[in-house]
Amino acid sequence: MELVVGVLLVWALLAVVVAVVVGRGIRLADERSAVPASMSISDLAAGFAPDPSAVRR
């Protein structure tokens, strides 16, 4: 029984470590991106038009 609890604790600890590493990676990528967080549609260029293949009918 102790072995099962120990294995579960190891897996839980491993899951927390992986979550922290992935979260930090996402945060770093966000900080390195040059896109401002408050960008809206009005910030796009006036001549912007979506690719015609992307338009649904």
Protein backbone atom coordinates (compact mmCIF):
# COMPACT_ATOMS: atom_id res chain seq x y z
CA MET A 1 0.00 0.00 0.00
CA GLU A 2 2.82 2.40 0.83
CA LEU A 3 4.35 1.75 -2.56
CA VAL A 4 1.15 2.81 -4.34
CA VAL A 5 0.94 6.03 -2.33
CA GLY A 6 4.62 6.73 -3.00
CA VAL A 7 4.23 6.20 -6.73
CA LEU A 8 1.18 8.48 -6.80
CA LEU A 9 3.12 11.18 -4.96
CA VAL A 10 6.00 10.90 -7.42
CA TRP A 11 3.64 11.20 -10.40
CA ALA A 12 1.89 14.20 -8.81
CA LEU A 13 5.24 15.89 -8.17
CA LEU A 14 6.34 15.18 -11.73
CA ALA A 15 3.07 16.64 -13.09
CA VAL A 16 3.56 19.84 -11.05
CA VAL A 17 7.14 20.22 -12.29
CA VAL A 18 6.08 19.74 -15.91
CA ALA A 19 3.23 22.26 -15.48
CA VAL A 20 5.61 24.84 -14.02
CA VAL A 21 8.14 24.36 -16.82
CA VAL A 22 5.48 24.63 -19.53
CA GLY A 23 3.94 27.67 -17.85
CA ARG A 24 7.29 29.45 -17.64
CA GLY A 25 7.97 28.65 -21.29
CA ILE A 26 4.65 30.15 -22.32
CA ARG A 27 5.29 33.25 -20.20
CA LEU A 28 8.75 33.71 -21.71
CA ALA A 29 7.37 33.35 -25.23
CA ASP A 30 4.68 35.93 -24.42
CA GLU A 31 7.25 38.40 -23.13
CA ARG A 32 9.47 37.94 -26.18
CA SER A 33 6.66 38.46 -28.68
CA ALA A 34 6.42 41.98 -30.05
CA VAL A 35 2.61 42.03 -30.23
CA PRO A 36 1.09 44.32 -27.61
CA ALA A 37 -1.48 42.67 -25.34
CA SER A 38 -4.10 45.33 -26.08
CA MET A 39 -4.06 44.97 -29.87
CA SER A 40 -7.48 45.22 -31.50
CA ILE A 41 -8.95 45.04 -35.00
CA SER A 42 -8.70 48.82 -35.37
CA ASP A 43 -4.91 48.51 -35.01
CA LEU A 44 -4.68 46.56 -38.28
CA ALA A 45 -3.64 48.25 -41.51
CA ALA A 46 -6.44 49.93 -43.46
CA GLY A 47 -5.90 47.72 -46.50
CA PHE A 48 -5.93 44.47 -44.58
CA ALA A 49 -8.13 41.80 -46.11
CA PRO A 50 -8.23 38.10 -45.23
CA ASP A 51 -7.01 35.54 -47.72
CA PRO A 52 -9.97 34.64 -50.01
CA SER A 53 -9.45 30.94 -49.31
CA ALA A 54 -10.06 31.63 -45.61
CA VAL A 55 -13.49 33.23 -46.17
CA ARG A 56 -16.40 30.89 -45.43
CA ARG A 57 -19.53 30.89 -47.53
